[in-house]
C-alpha cells in the first residue's frame, strides 16, 4: 500500500473510510464493538500518519499520546490494539 494515496476531498475520504470500516468489521468479526468504532480508529490512524509525515507538524505525536487520545474517546476498542496502530506509522517515518 505504499503507493496508495487518499483523495484530497474530505467527503470522499469519509465515504472511503466508512466502506473500509464496514468491510473490515465484516471480514474480522469481534475486533471492534461496532463499525463506528472501526471508522473512528481508522480515521485516527490517517490523522496520525498525516501528522507524522507532514513537515509542517513540528511536534510528532508519541505512542503514549496516541493511545491516550483514542482510549478517551473509544472505550470499546481493545487497548492492546492502539499501540500497534502507532508503531507501523512511526517505523515508516524513521526509515525515511
N, C-alpha and C. Protein backbone atom coordinates (compact mmCIF):
# COMPACT_ATOMS: atom_id res chain seq x y z
N UNK A 1 0.82 -1.20 0.00
CA UNK A 1 0.00 0.00 0.00
C UNK A 1 0.85 1.26 0.00
N UNK A 2 2.12 1.16 -0.25
CA UNK A 2 2.94 2.35 -0.23
C UNK A 2 2.54 3.33 -1.33
N UNK A 3 1.93 2.84 -2.40
CA UNK A 3 1.55 3.71 -3.49
C UNK A 3 0.14 4.25 -3.38
N UNK A 4 -0.60 3.85 -2.35
CA UNK A 4 -1.98 4.30 -2.20
C UNK A 4 -2.01 5.72 -1.68
N UNK A 5 -2.87 6.53 -2.28
CA UNK A 5 -3.00 7.92 -1.85
C UNK A 5 -4.48 8.25 -1.73
N UNK A 6 -4.85 8.79 -0.57
CA UNK A 6 -6.24 9.16 -0.35
C UNK A 6 -6.60 10.38 -1.20
N UNK A 7 -7.85 10.47 -1.62
CA UNK A 7 -8.28 11.67 -2.34
C UNK A 7 -8.22 12.88 -1.42
N UNK A 8 -8.04 14.06 -1.98
CA UNK A 8 -7.90 15.27 -1.17
C UNK A 8 -9.19 15.79 -0.57
N UNK A 9 -10.31 15.42 -1.13
CA UNK A 9 -11.59 15.94 -0.67
C UNK A 9 -12.08 15.18 0.56
N UNK A 10 -12.42 15.90 1.62
CA UNK A 10 -12.83 15.29 2.89
C UNK A 10 -14.04 14.38 2.74
N UNK A 11 -15.00 14.76 1.92
CA UNK A 11 -16.21 13.95 1.75
C UNK A 11 -15.87 12.60 1.11
N UNK A 12 -14.95 12.58 0.18
CA UNK A 12 -14.54 11.32 -0.46
C UNK A 12 -13.79 10.43 0.54
N UNK A 13 -12.93 11.04 1.33
CA UNK A 13 -12.20 10.28 2.36
C UNK A 13 -13.19 9.68 3.34
N UNK A 14 -14.18 10.46 3.74
CA UNK A 14 -15.20 9.99 4.68
C UNK A 14 -15.94 8.77 4.13
N UNK A 15 -16.36 8.84 2.88
CA UNK A 15 -17.08 7.71 2.27
C UNK A 15 -16.17 6.48 2.16
N UNK A 16 -14.94 6.71 1.77
CA UNK A 16 -13.98 5.62 1.65
C UNK A 16 -13.75 4.94 3.00
N UNK A 17 -13.60 5.73 4.04
CA UNK A 17 -13.35 5.18 5.37
C UNK A 17 -14.59 4.48 5.93
N UNK A 18 -15.77 4.97 5.61
CA UNK A 18 -17.00 4.28 6.03
C UNK A 18 -17.06 2.88 5.42
N UNK A 19 -16.79 2.80 4.13
CA UNK A 19 -16.82 1.49 3.45
C UNK A 19 -15.71 0.58 3.95
N UNK A 20 -14.53 1.15 4.21
CA UNK A 20 -13.44 0.36 4.76
C UNK A 20 -13.84 -0.24 6.11
N UNK A 21 -14.42 0.58 6.99
CA UNK A 21 -14.81 0.11 8.32
C UNK A 21 -15.88 -0.98 8.23
N UNK A 22 -16.84 -0.78 7.33
CA UNK A 22 -17.89 -1.80 7.15
C UNK A 22 -17.27 -3.13 6.71
N UNK A 23 -16.40 -3.07 5.74
CA UNK A 23 -15.79 -4.29 5.21
C UNK A 23 -14.86 -4.95 6.23
N UNK A 24 -14.09 -4.13 6.93
CA UNK A 24 -13.18 -4.67 7.94
C UNK A 24 -13.95 -5.42 9.01
N UNK A 25 -15.03 -4.82 9.48
CA UNK A 25 -15.84 -5.47 10.53
C UNK A 25 -16.50 -6.74 10.01
N UNK A 26 -16.89 -6.74 8.76
CA UNK A 26 -17.50 -7.94 8.17
C UNK A 26 -16.46 -9.06 8.08
N UNK A 27 -15.24 -8.73 7.66
CA UNK A 27 -14.19 -9.73 7.49
C UNK A 27 -13.49 -10.11 8.79
N UNK A 28 -13.63 -9.29 9.84
CA UNK A 28 -12.95 -9.52 11.11
C UNK A 28 -13.93 -9.34 12.27
N UNK A 29 -14.93 -10.19 12.36
CA UNK A 29 -15.94 -10.01 13.41
C UNK A 29 -15.34 -10.09 14.81
N UNK A 30 -15.84 -9.22 15.68
CA UNK A 30 -15.42 -9.25 17.08
C UNK A 30 -14.22 -8.38 17.42
N UNK A 31 -13.54 -7.84 16.42
CA UNK A 31 -12.39 -6.99 16.72
C UNK A 31 -12.85 -5.66 17.31
N UNK A 32 -13.90 -5.09 16.73
CA UNK A 32 -14.45 -3.82 17.20
C UNK A 32 -15.90 -4.02 17.64
N UNK A 33 -16.33 -3.20 18.58
CA UNK A 33 -17.70 -3.29 19.09
C UNK A 33 -18.71 -2.89 18.03
N UNK A 34 -18.31 -2.03 17.10
CA UNK A 34 -19.22 -1.58 16.05
C UNK A 34 -18.42 -1.04 14.86
N UNK A 35 -19.12 -0.84 13.76
CA UNK A 35 -18.50 -0.24 12.58
C UNK A 35 -18.03 1.17 12.89
N UNK A 36 -18.78 1.89 13.71
CA UNK A 36 -18.40 3.26 14.07
C UNK A 36 -17.06 3.31 14.78
N UNK A 37 -16.81 2.36 15.65
CA UNK A 37 -15.53 2.32 16.37
C UNK A 37 -14.39 2.06 15.38
N UNK A 38 -14.60 1.15 14.46
CA UNK A 38 -13.58 0.87 13.43
C UNK A 38 -13.33 2.11 12.57
N UNK A 39 -14.39 2.81 12.24
CA UNK A 39 -14.27 4.03 11.43
C UNK A 39 -13.44 5.10 12.17
N UNK A 40 -13.77 5.34 13.43
CA UNK A 40 -13.07 6.38 14.19
C UNK A 40 -11.60 6.04 14.36
N UNK A 41 -11.30 4.78 14.68
CA UNK A 41 -9.90 4.39 14.83
C UNK A 41 -9.16 4.50 13.50
N UNK A 42 -9.77 4.09 12.42
CA UNK A 42 -9.14 4.19 11.10
C UNK A 42 -8.85 5.64 10.74
N UNK A 43 -9.80 6.49 11.00
CA UNK A 43 -9.60 7.92 10.71
C UNK A 43 -8.49 8.49 11.59
N UNK A 44 -8.43 8.03 12.82
CA UNK A 44 -7.38 8.48 13.74
C UNK A 44 -6.00 8.08 13.23
N UNK A 45 -5.90 6.89 12.66
CA UNK A 45 -4.62 6.43 12.11
C UNK A 45 -4.23 7.29 10.90
N UNK A 46 -5.20 7.67 10.09
CA UNK A 46 -4.91 8.56 8.96
C UNK A 46 -4.38 9.90 9.47
N UNK A 47 -5.02 10.43 10.50
CA UNK A 47 -4.57 11.71 11.07
C UNK A 47 -3.16 11.57 11.65
N UNK A 48 -2.88 10.45 12.31
CA UNK A 48 -1.55 10.20 12.86
C UNK A 48 -0.52 10.14 11.73
N UNK A 49 -0.83 9.41 10.69
CA UNK A 49 0.08 9.29 9.55
C UNK A 49 0.37 10.66 8.94
N UNK A 50 -0.67 11.44 8.75
CA UNK A 50 -0.50 12.78 8.19
C UNK A 50 0.38 13.64 9.09
N UNK A 51 0.12 13.61 10.38
CA UNK A 51 0.90 14.42 11.31
C UNK A 51 2.37 13.99 11.35
N UNK A 52 2.61 12.68 11.27
CA UNK A 52 3.99 12.21 11.37
C UNK A 52 4.79 12.46 10.09
N UNK A 53 4.11 12.56 8.97
CA UNK A 53 4.82 12.73 7.70
C UNK A 53 4.74 14.14 7.13
N UNK A 54 4.04 15.02 7.81
CA UNK A 54 3.91 16.40 7.35
C UNK A 54 5.00 17.23 8.00
N UNK A 55 5.85 17.83 7.19
CA UNK A 55 6.97 18.63 7.71
C UNK A 55 6.50 19.86 8.47
N UNK A 56 5.27 20.29 8.25
CA UNK A 56 4.75 21.47 8.95
C UNK A 56 4.39 21.16 10.41
N UNK A 57 4.25 19.89 10.74
CA UNK A 57 3.96 19.50 12.12
C UNK A 57 5.28 19.34 12.85
N UNK A 58 5.55 20.24 13.78
CA UNK A 58 6.84 20.23 14.47
C UNK A 58 6.93 19.17 15.55
N UNK A 59 5.88 19.02 16.36
CA UNK A 59 5.89 18.05 17.45
C UNK A 59 5.12 16.81 17.02
N UNK A 60 5.83 15.73 16.81
CA UNK A 60 5.21 14.48 16.39
C UNK A 60 4.53 13.81 17.58
N UNK A 61 3.40 13.18 17.32
CA UNK A 61 2.65 12.51 18.38
C UNK A 61 3.40 11.25 18.83
N UNK A 62 3.50 11.08 20.14
CA UNK A 62 4.14 9.88 20.68
C UNK A 62 3.11 8.75 20.74
N UNK A 63 3.61 7.54 20.94
CA UNK A 63 2.72 6.39 21.08
C UNK A 63 1.78 6.61 22.27
N UNK A 64 2.33 7.08 23.39
CA UNK A 64 1.53 7.30 24.59
C UNK A 64 0.42 8.32 24.32
N UNK A 65 0.72 9.40 23.64
CA UNK A 65 -0.29 10.41 23.32
C UNK A 65 -1.38 9.85 22.41
N UNK A 66 -0.97 9.05 21.43
CA UNK A 66 -1.94 8.45 20.52
C UNK A 66 -2.90 7.52 21.27
N UNK A 67 -2.34 6.68 22.13
CA UNK A 67 -3.17 5.75 22.90
C UNK A 67 -4.11 6.52 23.82
N UNK A 68 -3.59 7.50 24.54
CA UNK A 68 -4.42 8.29 25.46
C UNK A 68 -5.54 9.02 24.72
N UNK A 69 -5.23 9.58 23.56
CA UNK A 69 -6.23 10.30 22.78
C UNK A 69 -7.36 9.37 22.36
N UNK A 70 -7.04 8.16 21.98
CA UNK A 70 -8.05 7.24 21.48
C UNK A 70 -8.80 6.51 22.59
N UNK A 71 -8.14 6.18 23.66
CA UNK A 71 -8.81 5.50 24.76
C UNK A 71 -9.89 6.40 25.36
N UNK A 72 -9.61 7.67 25.42
CA UNK A 72 -10.58 8.61 26.00
C UNK A 72 -11.87 8.68 25.19
N UNK A 73 -11.79 8.48 23.90
CA UNK A 73 -12.98 8.59 23.05
C UNK A 73 -13.56 7.26 22.61
N UNK A 74 -12.80 6.19 22.72
CA UNK A 74 -13.26 4.90 22.23
C UNK A 74 -13.03 3.79 23.24
N UNK A 75 -13.81 3.76 24.27
CA UNK A 75 -13.63 2.76 25.32
C UNK A 75 -13.90 1.35 24.80
N UNK A 76 -14.57 1.20 23.65
CA UNK A 76 -14.91 -0.12 23.12
C UNK A 76 -13.73 -0.79 22.42
N UNK A 77 -12.67 -0.04 22.12
CA UNK A 77 -11.52 -0.62 21.43
C UNK A 77 -10.64 -1.32 22.44
N UNK A 78 -10.20 -2.51 22.09
CA UNK A 78 -9.26 -3.19 22.97
C UNK A 78 -7.99 -2.35 23.03
N UNK A 79 -7.62 -1.93 24.21
CA UNK A 79 -6.47 -1.05 24.40
C UNK A 79 -5.20 -1.62 23.78
N UNK A 80 -5.08 -2.93 23.76
CA UNK A 80 -3.87 -3.55 23.21
C UNK A 80 -3.71 -3.29 21.72
N UNK A 81 -4.77 -2.92 21.02
CA UNK A 81 -4.67 -2.64 19.58
C UNK A 81 -4.06 -1.28 19.29
N UNK A 82 -4.24 -0.31 20.18
CA UNK A 82 -3.84 1.05 19.88
C UNK A 82 -2.34 1.25 19.67
N UNK A 83 -1.47 0.68 20.52
CA UNK A 83 -0.04 0.85 20.24
C UNK A 83 0.37 0.22 18.91
N UNK A 84 -0.32 -0.82 18.50
CA UNK A 84 0.01 -1.48 17.23
C UNK A 84 -0.29 -0.57 16.05
N UNK A 85 -1.22 0.35 16.19
CA UNK A 85 -1.54 1.30 15.12
C UNK A 85 -0.44 2.34 14.98
N UNK A 86 0.14 2.76 16.08
CA UNK A 86 1.14 3.82 16.08
C UNK A 86 2.48 3.33 15.54
N UNK A 87 2.90 2.13 15.90
CA UNK A 87 4.23 1.63 15.58
C UNK A 87 4.51 1.57 14.08
N UNK A 88 3.63 1.00 13.23
CA UNK A 88 3.96 0.96 11.80
C UNK A 88 4.10 2.36 11.19
N UNK A 89 3.30 3.30 11.62
CA UNK A 89 3.38 4.66 11.09
C UNK A 89 4.72 5.27 11.50
N UNK A 90 5.12 5.03 12.73
CA UNK A 90 6.38 5.56 13.23
C UNK A 90 7.56 4.92 12.50
N UNK A 91 7.50 3.63 12.22
CA UNK A 91 8.61 2.93 11.52
C UNK A 91 8.83 3.52 10.14
N UNK A 92 7.76 3.81 9.45
CA UNK A 92 7.89 4.40 8.11
C UNK A 92 8.60 5.73 8.19
N UNK A 93 8.26 6.53 9.21
CA UNK A 93 8.88 7.83 9.39
C UNK A 93 10.38 7.68 9.67
N UNK A 94 10.74 6.74 10.53
CA UNK A 94 12.14 6.53 10.90
C UNK A 94 12.95 6.01 9.72
N UNK A 95 12.33 5.19 8.88
CA UNK A 95 13.07 4.59 7.77
C UNK A 95 13.32 5.55 6.62
N UNK A 96 12.72 6.73 6.64
CA UNK A 96 12.95 7.69 5.55
C UNK A 96 14.32 8.29 5.61
